[in-house]
Amino acid sequence: MKLMKQFMKEESGQAIVEYILSVTLAILVVTIIAESFRTTVLKLWQTMAREISAACPGCPAEQTVRLR
């Protein structure tokens, strides 16, 4: 019986470690996806802002226009 209690304690510790690793992995994946999405959207907005801010429809866009 003593051996069974010791085994159960070891398994509960493993479950906690697995939970922490799973949460960390989920946060890491969400962060990577959010950052890549953010840079993609910023590049798209910057391109559209350059085209919209051009002096005329046929004029070349200024490269100095930035979002930040």
PDB file of N, CA and C in Angstrom:
ATOM      1  N   MET A   1       0.820  -1.185   0.000  1.00  0.00           N
ATOM      2  CA  MET A   1       0.000   0.000   0.000  1.00  0.00           C
ATOM      3  C   MET A   1       0.868   1.255   0.000  1.00  0.00           C
ATOM      4  N   LYS A   2       1.970   1.204   0.743  1.00  0.00           N
ATOM      5  CA  LYS A   2       2.872   2.344   0.801  1.00  0.00           C
ATOM      6  C   LYS A   2       3.473   2.635  -0.569  1.00  0.00           C
ATOM      7  N   LEU A   3       3.778   1.565  -1.300  1.00  0.00           N
ATOM      8  CA  LEU A   3       4.336   1.711  -2.642  1.00  0.00           C
ATOM      9  C   LEU A   3       3.323   2.380  -3.575  1.00  0.00           C
ATOM     10  N   MET A   4       2.054   2.029  -3.414  1.00  0.00           N
ATOM     11  CA  MET A   4       0.999   2.618  -4.248  1.00  0.00           C
ATOM     12  C   MET A   4       0.860   4.121  -3.984  1.00  0.00           C
ATOM     13  N   LYS A   5       0.948   4.553  -2.728  1.00  0.00           N
ATOM     14  CA  LYS A   5       0.852   5.971  -2.402  1.00  0.00           C
ATOM     15  C   LYS A   5       2.032   6.745  -2.984  1.00  0.00           C
ATOM     16  N   GLN A   6       3.203   6.153  -2.906  1.00  0.00           N
ATOM     17  CA  GLN A   6       4.389   6.809  -3.458  1.00  0.00           C
ATOM     18  C   GLN A   6       4.252   6.936  -4.975  1.00  0.00           C
ATOM     19  N   PHE A   7       3.730   5.916  -5.632  1.00  0.00           N
ATOM     20  CA  PHE A   7       3.539   5.933  -7.086  1.00  0.00           C
ATOM     21  C   PHE A   7       2.529   7.017  -7.486  1.00  0.00           C
ATOM     22  N   MET A   8       1.467   7.161  -6.694  1.00  0.00           N
ATOM     23  CA  MET A   8       0.449   8.168  -6.992  1.00  0.00           C
ATOM     24  C   MET A   8       1.009   9.575  -6.849  1.00  0.00           C
ATOM     25  N   LYS A   9       1.857   9.802  -5.874  1.00  0.00           N
ATOM     26  CA  LYS A   9       2.464  11.114  -5.705  1.00  0.00           C
ATOM     27  C   LYS A   9       3.339  11.461  -6.896  1.00  0.00           C
ATOM     28  N   GLU A  10       4.086  10.503  -7.402  1.00  0.00           N
ATOM     29  CA  GLU A  10       4.958  10.752  -8.549  1.00  0.00           C
ATOM     30  C   GLU A  10       4.144  11.078  -9.792  1.00  0.00           C
ATOM     31  N   GLU A  11       3.008  10.402  -9.968  1.00  0.00           N
ATOM     32  CA  GLU A  11       2.173  10.668 -11.136  1.00  0.00           C
ATOM     33  C   GLU A  11       1.523  12.040 -11.063  1.00  0.00           C
ATOM     34  N   SER A  12       1.119  12.482  -9.895  1.00  0.00           N
ATOM     35  CA  SER A  12       0.485  13.791  -9.796  1.00  0.00           C
ATOM     36  C   SER A  12       1.500  14.889 -10.110  1.00  0.00           C
ATOM     37  N   GLY A  13       2.731  14.690  -9.734  1.00  0.00           N
ATOM     38  CA  GLY A  13       3.770  15.655 -10.083  1.00  0.00           C
ATOM     39  C   GLY A  13       3.999  15.702 -11.577  1.00  0.00           C
ATOM     40  N   GLN A  14       3.938  14.554 -12.217  1.00  0.00           N
ATOM     41  CA  GLN A  14       4.118  14.495 -13.658  1.00  0.00           C
ATOM     42  C   GLN A  14       2.967  15.209 -14.366  1.00  0.00           C
ATOM     43  N   ALA A  15       1.768  15.049 -13.850  1.00  0.00           N
ATOM     44  CA  ALA A  15       0.605  15.712 -14.457  1.00  0.00           C
ATOM     45  C   ALA A  15       0.740  17.229 -14.374  1.00  0.00           C
ATOM     46  N   ILE A  16       1.245  17.722 -13.271  1.00  0.00           N
ATOM     47  CA  ILE A  16       1.436  19.168 -13.116  1.00  0.00           C
ATOM     48  C   ILE A  16       2.492  19.678 -14.099  1.00  0.00           C
ATOM     49  N   VAL A  17       3.578  18.926 -14.223  1.00  0.00           N
ATOM     50  CA  VAL A  17       4.635  19.317 -15.167  1.00  0.00           C
ATOM     51  C   VAL A  17       4.099  19.303 -16.594  1.00  0.00           C
ATOM     52  N   GLU A  18       3.330  18.290 -16.952  1.00  0.00           N
ATOM     53  CA  GLU A  18       2.752  18.216 -18.299  1.00  0.00           C
ATOM     54  C   GLU A  18       1.786  19.373 -18.538  1.00  0.00           C
ATOM     55  N   TYR A  19       1.011  19.729 -17.537  1.00  0.00           N
ATOM     56  CA  TYR A  19       0.070  20.846 -17.661  1.00  0.00           C
ATOM     57  C   TYR A  19       0.822  22.152 -17.894  1.00  0.00           C
ATOM     58  N   ILE A  20       1.849  22.389 -17.114  1.00  0.00           N
ATOM     59  CA  ILE A  20       2.636  23.617 -17.265  1.00  0.00           C
ATOM     60  C   ILE A  20       3.299  23.669 -18.639  1.00  0.00           C
ATOM     61  N   LEU A  21       3.849  22.558 -19.094  1.00  0.00           N
ATOM     62  CA  LEU A  21       4.465  22.525 -20.423  1.00  0.00           C
ATOM     63  C   LEU A  21       3.429  22.751 -21.523  1.00  0.00           C
ATOM     64  N   SER A  22       2.243  22.179 -21.371  1.00  0.00           N
ATOM     65  CA  SER A  22       1.184  22.366 -22.374  1.00  0.00           C
ATOM     66  C   SER A  22       0.745  23.821 -22.452  1.00  0.00           C
ATOM     67  N   VAL A  23       0.563  24.452 -21.302  1.00  0.00           N
ATOM     68  CA  VAL A  23       0.161  25.864 -21.277  1.00  0.00           C
ATOM     69  C   VAL A  23       1.261  26.733 -21.875  1.00  0.00           C
ATOM     70  N   THR A  24       2.516  26.447 -21.539  1.00  0.00           N
ATOM     71  CA  THR A  24       3.636  27.206 -22.097  1.00  0.00           C
ATOM     72  C   THR A  24       3.705  27.059 -23.608  1.00  0.00           C
ATOM     73  N   LEU A  25       3.520  25.850 -24.090  1.00  0.00           N
ATOM     74  CA  LEU A  25       3.542  25.617 -25.529  1.00  0.00           C
ATOM     75  C   LEU A  25       2.396  26.341 -26.232  1.00  0.00           C
ATOM     76  N   ALA A  26       1.211  26.322 -25.639  1.00  0.00           N
ATOM     77  CA  ALA A  26       0.072  27.021 -26.230  1.00  0.00           C
ATOM     78  C   ALA A  26       0.319  28.525 -26.294  1.00  0.00           C
ATOM     79  N   ILE A  27       0.874  29.100 -25.235  1.00  0.00           N
ATOM     80  CA  ILE A  27       1.172  30.535 -25.219  1.00  0.00           C
ATOM     81  C   ILE A  27       2.229  30.871 -26.263  1.00  0.00           C
ATOM     82  N   LEU A  28       3.230  30.027 -26.402  1.00  0.00           N
ATOM     83  CA  LEU A  28       4.286  30.249 -27.387  1.00  0.00           C
ATOM     84  C   LEU A  28       3.732  30.225 -28.810  1.00  0.00           C
ATOM     85  N   VAL A  29       2.890  29.263 -29.108  1.00  0.00           N
ATOM     86  CA  VAL A  29       2.297  29.165 -30.449  1.00  0.00           C
ATOM     87  C   VAL A  29       1.420  30.379 -30.753  1.00  0.00           C
ATOM     88  N   VAL A  30       0.603  30.785 -29.796  1.00  0.00           N
ATOM     89  CA  VAL A  30      -0.266  31.954 -29.998  1.00  0.00           C
ATOM     90  C   VAL A  30       0.570  33.216 -30.196  1.00  0.00           C
ATOM     91  N   THR A  31       1.650  33.362 -29.451  1.00  0.00           N
ATOM     92  CA  THR A  31       2.521  34.531 -29.591  1.00  0.00           C
ATOM     93  C   THR A  31       3.161  34.571 -30.970  1.00  0.00           C
ATOM     94  N   ILE A  32       3.653  33.454 -31.446  1.00  0.00           N
ATOM     95  CA  ILE A  32       4.275  33.402 -32.774  1.00  0.00           C
ATOM     96  C   ILE A  32       3.262  33.740 -33.855  1.00  0.00           C
ATOM     97  N   ILE A  33       2.065  33.176 -33.765  1.00  0.00           N
ATOM     98  CA  ILE A  33       1.028  33.458 -34.762  1.00  0.00           C
ATOM     99  C   ILE A  33       0.622  34.929 -34.717  1.00  0.00           C
ATOM    100  N   ALA A  34       0.456  35.486 -33.533  1.00  0.00           N
ATOM    101  CA  ALA A  34       0.046  36.886 -33.396  1.00  0.00           C
ATOM    102  C   ALA A  34       1.106  37.831 -33.958  1.00  0.00           C
ATOM    103  N   GLU A  35       2.374  37.571 -33.681  1.00  0.00           N
ATOM    104  CA  GLU A  35       3.446  38.434 -34.188  1.00  0.00           C
ATOM    105  C   GLU A  35       3.531  38.376 -35.704  1.00  0.00           C
ATOM    106  N   SER A  36       3.445  37.191 -36.282  1.00  0.00           N
ATOM    107  CA  SER A  36       3.534  37.086 -37.743  1.00  0.00           C
ATOM    108  C   SER A  36       2.319  37.734 -38.394  1.00  0.00           C
ATOM    109  N   PHE A  37       1.149  37.579 -37.791  1.00  0.00           N
ATOM    110  CA  PHE A  37      -0.055  38.214 -38.325  1.00  0.00           C
ATOM    111  C   PHE A  37       0.057  39.727 -38.233  1.00  0.00           C
ATOM    112  N   ARG A  38       0.595  40.213 -37.118  1.00  0.00           N
ATOM    113  CA  ARG A  38       0.744  41.658 -36.908  1.00  0.00           C
ATOM    114  C   ARG A  38       1.667  42.272 -37.956  1.00  0.00           C
ATOM    115  N   THR A  39       2.802  41.638 -38.211  1.00  0.00           N
ATOM    116  CA  THR A  39       3.732  42.188 -39.210  1.00  0.00           C
ATOM    117  C   THR A  39       3.133  42.138 -40.607  1.00  0.00           C
ATOM    118  N   THR A  40       2.385  41.092 -40.911  1.00  0.00           N
ATOM    119  CA  THR A  40       1.744  40.991 -42.223  1.00  0.00           C
ATOM    120  C   THR A  40       0.716  42.097 -42.406  1.00  0.00           C
ATOM    121  N   VAL A  41      -0.099  42.335 -41.395  1.00  0.00           N
ATOM    122  CA  VAL A  41      -1.125  43.371 -41.481  1.00  0.00           C
ATOM    123  C   VAL A  41      -0.476  44.754 -41.575  1.00  0.00           C
ATOM    124  N   LEU A  42       0.583  44.995 -40.809  1.00  0.00           N
ATOM    125  CA  LEU A  42       1.261  46.293 -40.874  1.00  0.00           C
ATOM    126  C   LEU A  42       1.858  46.544 -42.256  1.00  0.00           C
ATOM    127  N   LYS A  43       2.438  45.530 -42.864  1.00  0.00           N
ATOM    128  CA  LYS A  43       2.989  45.683 -44.220  1.00  0.00           C
ATOM    129  C   LYS A  43       1.882  45.989 -45.221  1.00  0.00           C
ATOM    130  N   LEU A  44       0.755  45.312 -45.075  1.00  0.00           N
ATOM    131  CA  LEU A  44      -0.379  45.557 -45.973  1.00  0.00           C
ATOM    132  C   LEU A  44      -0.898  46.981 -45.811  1.00  0.00           C
ATOM    133  N   TRP A  45      -1.075  47.443 -44.573  1.00  0.00           N
ATOM    134  CA  TRP A  45      -1.552  48.802 -44.324  1.00  0.00           C
ATOM    135  C   TRP A  45      -0.549  49.837 -44.828  1.00  0.00           C
ATOM    136  N   GLN A  46       0.731  49.562 -44.677  1.00  0.00           N
ATOM    137  CA  GLN A  46       1.744  50.509 -45.137  1.00  0.00           C
ATOM    138  C   GLN A  46       1.701  50.635 -46.664  1.00  0.00           C
ATOM    139  N   THR A  47       1.524  49.520 -47.346  1.00  0.00           N
ATOM    140  CA  THR A  47       1.407  49.549 -48.803  1.00  0.00           C
ATOM    141  C   THR A  47       0.174  50.335 -49.232  1.00  0.00           C
ATOM    142  N   MET A  48      -0.949  50.085 -48.577  1.00  0.00           N
ATOM    143  CA  MET A  48      -2.174  50.811 -48.930  1.00  0.00           C
ATOM    144  C   MET A  48      -2.044  52.298 -48.608  1.00  0.00           C
ATOM    145  N   ALA A  49      -1.407  52.644 -47.499  1.00  0.00           N
ATOM    146  CA  ALA A  49      -1.233  54.051 -47.138  1.00  0.00           C
ATOM    147  C   ALA A  49      -0.369  54.774 -48.168  1.00  0.00           C
ATOM    148  N   ARG A  50       0.661  54.114 -48.657  1.00  0.00           N
ATOM    149  CA  ARG A  50       1.506  54.737 -49.686  1.00  0.00           C
ATOM    150  C   ARG A  50       0.720  54.992 -50.965  1.00  0.00           C
ATOM    151  N   GLU A  51      -0.087  54.025 -51.367  1.00  0.00           N
ATOM    152  CA  GLU A  51      -0.872  54.183 -52.591  1.00  0.00           C
ATOM    153  C   GLU A  51      -1.932  55.272 -52.437  1.00  0.00           C
ATOM    154  N   ILE A  52      -2.554  55.336 -51.290  1.00  0.00           N
ATOM    155  CA  ILE A  52      -3.605  56.324 -51.063  1.00  0.00           C
ATOM    156  C   ILE A  52      -3.023  57.730 -50.956  1.00  0.00           C
ATOM    157  N   SER A  53      -1.849  57.855 -50.362  1.00  0.00           N
ATOM    158  CA  SER A  53      -1.269  59.178 -50.145  1.00  0.00           C
ATOM    159  C   SER A  53      -0.535  59.728 -51.370  1.00  0.00           C
ATOM    160  N   ALA A  54      -0.513  58.997 -52.470  1.00  0.00           N
ATOM    161  CA  ALA A  54       0.139  59.490 -53.685  1.00  0.00           C
ATOM    162  C   ALA A  54      -0.576  60.751 -54.174  1.00  0.00           C
ATOM    163  N   ALA A  55       0.162  61.611 -54.858  1.00  0.00           N
ATOM    164  CA  ALA A  55      -0.382  62.899 -55.309  1.00  0.00           C
ATOM    165  C   ALA A  55      -1.517  62.729 -56.310  1.00  0.00           C
ATOM    166  N   CYS A  56      -1.433  61.739 -57.164  1.00  0.00           N
ATOM    167  CA  CYS A  56      -2.487  61.479 -58.140  1.00  0.00           C
ATOM    168  C   CYS A  56      -2.590  59.966 -58.360  1.00  0.00           C
ATOM    169  N   PRO A  57      -3.674  59.500 -58.988  1.00  0.00           N
ATOM    170  CA  PRO A  57      -3.838  58.051 -59.159  1.00  0.00           C
ATOM    171  C   PRO A  57      -2.711  57.379 -59.950  1.00  0.00           C
ATOM    172  N   GLY A  58      -2.122  58.067 -60.903  1.00  0.00           N
ATOM    173  CA  GLY A  58      -1.069  57.459 -61.714  1.00  0.00           C
ATOM    174  C   GLY A  58       0.332  57.738 -61.195  1.00  0.00           C
ATOM    175  N   CYS A  59       0.450  58.605 -60.220  1.00  0.00           N
ATOM    176  CA  CYS A  59       1.767  58.981 -59.689  1.00  0.00           C
ATOM    177  C   CYS A  59       2.356  57.852 -58.838  1.00  0.00           C
ATOM    178  N   PRO A  60       3.678  57.773 -58.840  1.00  0.00           N
ATOM    179  CA  PRO A  60       4.298  56.749 -57.986  1.00  0.00           C
ATOM    180  C   PRO A  60       4.118  57.085 -56.502  1.00  0.00           C
ATOM    181  N   ALA A  61       4.032  56.070 -55.713  1.00  0.00           N
ATOM    182  CA  ALA A  61       3.848  56.264 -54.268  1.00  0.00           C
ATOM    183  C   ALA A  61       5.160  56.703 -53.625  1.00  0.00           C
ATOM    184  N   GLU A  62       5.054  57.542 -52.620  1.00  0.00           N
ATOM    185  CA  GLU A  62       6.244  57.973 -51.890  1.00  0.00           C
ATOM    186  C   GLU A  62       6.700  56.855 -50.952  1.00  0.00           C
ATOM    187  N   GLN A  63       7.987  56.625 -50.920  1.00  0.00           N
ATOM    188  CA  GLN A  63       8.527  55.579 -50.057  1.00  0.00           C
ATOM    189  C   GLN A  63       8.746  56.064 -48.632  1.00  0.00           C
ATOM    190  N   THR A  64       8.580  57.368 -48.399  1.00  0.00           N
ATOM    191  CA  THR A  64       8.810  57.904 -47.054  1.00  0.00           C
ATOM    192  C   THR A  64       7.595  57.786 -46.148  1.00  0.00           C
ATOM    193  N   VAL A  65       6.453  57.396 -46.691  1.00  0.00           N
ATOM    194  CA  VAL A  65       5.243  57.267 -45.880  1.00  0.00           C
ATOM    195  C   VAL A  65       5.377  56.026 -45.011  1.00  0.00           C
ATOM    196  N   ARG A  66       5.224  56.211 -43.692  1.00  0.00           N
ATOM    197  CA  ARG A  66       5.325  55.103 -42.747  1.00  0.00           C
ATOM    198  C   ARG A  66       4.142  55.137 -41.812  1.00  0.00           C
ATOM    199  N   LEU A  67       3.811  54.018 -41.275  1.00  0.00           N
ATOM    200  CA  LEU A  67       2.699  53.960 -40.317  1.00  0.00           C
ATOM    201  C   LEU A  67       3.119  54.392 -38.936  1.00  0.00           C
ATOM    202  N   ARG A  68       4.388  54.251 -38.612  1.00  0.00           N
ATOM    203  CA  ARG A  68       4.863  54.589 -37.277  1.00  0.00           C
ATOM    204  C   ARG A  68       5.890  55.667 -37.343  1.00  0.00           C
TER     205      ARG A  68
END
